[in-house]
Amino acid sequence: DTSIKCRTVFCPAPCDNMIEIPGQCCKACPGCEFEGVLYDDGAVFKPYDDQCMECQCDDGLFLCMPISCQQPLCPPEQVMVKIGSCCPVCRGESLESECENNGTVYQNGSNFHLNPCTHCVCMNGHITCEVEECVRFDCASDMWINKPDMCCSVCAGPSDCQFENRFHEDGDTFIPVADKCALCTCKQGSVKCNRPDCPIPDCDLADVFTPADSCCSRCSKQALCRYKGVSYASGDHWEDECQLCDCSEGTPRCISVLCPPVTCNEELEEMVLIDGECCEKCAPRSGSCIVFGDPHYRTYDGRFLEFQGTCTYVLSEDCFNNEFQVIVQNDGKSTYAVAWTQLVQVKVANWTILLLPDFKVNVNGNDVKLPYIIEPDISIQKIGLLVVIHTSIGIRVSWDGAHFAEVTADGKYKGQLCGICGNFNDDPKDDFITLNGTLVTSASEFGNSWLAAEPVECSCRDSEEIDPCARAGAVITINARMNCNTLKGPTFAAAHSVVDPTPFYKACVYDMCACPVHDKCLCDVLSAYAHESRQNGIVLDWRRSNLCAVNCPKGGVYDECSPACVETCGTIETNNCMEEDCVPGCRCAAGMVLHELQCIPPSECP
């Protein structure tokens, strides 16, 4: 007929590095260049004149392997290796035992491939070859798959992929010819290729280059490193907080500082991380002194005492460097003998802080609202049921606005403190050292010596050694013991192994005899014991509706493990709260904030 039919010639691709041949439609496999000599694809030669190694040019690459020799058929004494040969032969055999093909000489007994389908053996000067026969396929030639190092092709399956004029089996991973930096995978008939994610070189464009053996650009060896706004030369080293860094070819590299293992004496030391340092180290344990009830004191070294003076006293101070001073003012409660802590004064640097009843705070004569921050020395915050002063020198003071106070001192103050809280030297026996340096046995004599100022009010009186229960009588004493037995019961049992309830029980009976009709005297002591337990890792759920219940704002609930700081309308956008694991106090339900003593949605904040 007169019609013209055209069909695109299918070009097989037996190799990856195909090249165009002038005047031909299909590309062909290139030869191989070795030591300046170009070998055709399939050619076999000996590299570096090594008679026992043969190389073959395959797909532009060299495949080299040692020659396999057959054992000569003669006695061992007649075996020899001729000069320029690799395989042993029997004496008397001529050089005609070697074989030559297309200029390549093969040793007697050697095996070689002329091509992937032709396997040959050199034997006594003759080459014998066997050609592998391929089965005829039931598919068109353009559906054949050529596998590396295999003679015969196979038909492509429905899940195989055709890519760059070649077929790949399902699951094959390969590098495409057109992009040596990509990695492709054949999966269910589709090819997906990915290139590596290269980091952007952090140097000037003039210093950027791409090495021949890499797919990613990098900075030259002379490039500077830029790190947090500072430039470093290649090879420079520096420290950044807890990292060791160096500059390598324009790239800053940092590794974390490796801290050595540290073992501390658990009784006397604790692990601490000092500001400005990277690794924890052993340091003397911090200590605390508390004041509670009417009032009772527990010194840094664990000694309990009752002191009923109603004046102003030095609770604790640095007697060596004068870094801080904590003063308490006691009130007589209009009773015949006992007292209570009315306010706490803290002096640090040039600041004088008064912690007053009902959580009021005064700094250098001015009333302030909490939280109150004095950078970098002091922060004052309401945390749960306490007002807490944190200082940069390692002193923390807590106050519940009514009767309870605590001073916590860093271990660096060991042995250099004085006042009613003692000297903090791990020896409770010498805690009763007076202001003039005398060791006494009477708590009253000891406490009276730490008078902070001359008495200015009629209510200011020295403490005396008294027994409230002796004056109260048997009935009140029995009732006091019954009420205070709560401390020894199951409600507080979880803490008995870590905090001895005995001194708190005695303080409780003391206070209940002094104020038998006030439940607050009982609750003050129970609260102090719960606080000590929490400091030692035991959180007690001890308050009940009929036992020391806390009145929370409308919509709020009491929790022994509340957030450290209650969110209010004024703190929604700020975050000045010191981190604490959990503290006893009132909290609003999730999504609510505190405003004017009630919990409301943030949207209702003024």
Foldseek 3Di string as FASTA:
>chain_A
DPDDDDDDDQEADQAQDWDDDPPDDHTDQAFEADPNDTDGQLDKADPPLPQQKIWGTHSHDIDMDGWDADDEPDDPVQWDADPSHDYIYGPPQDPLLWEDDPRHIHHAQTWDASDLQKIWHRHHNDIDIDGDDEDDDPDDPLQWARDPSHDYTDGADQQWEADPSHIGHAQDWDQHSVDNQWIWHRHRHDIDIDGDDEDDQPFDPVQWDADPPGPHIYGAQQTWEADPNDTHGAQDWDDDQQWTWGHGRHDIDIDGHDEDDADEDVVFWDWDDDPSDDGTYIFGAKFKKKWFFLTWIQARLGDIDFWAFQAKFWAKAQQPPRQKTKIWGWFNPPADATIATAWIWIDGDPWIWIQGAPRWIAIPRHTDDPQDDDPPAWTWHQFFQWIWIDGPQAWIWIDNRTGMIMIIGHRVQAQRMATQNARNPNDPQQRLQAPVGDGDDDSQVSNVRRRPDDDDDPRGDGHDDDQLDVVLDDVQLVVQLVLLCVCVDPQPVVQCVPDPCVVLSVQSSRNCSRPVVDLVSNVRSVVVSQVVSVVVPDHGPRDDPPHPDDDAFAQKDWDQFAFGHFAALVPPPHDPDDHDRGHTHIYHPPQWGDDPRHTDHNVPRD
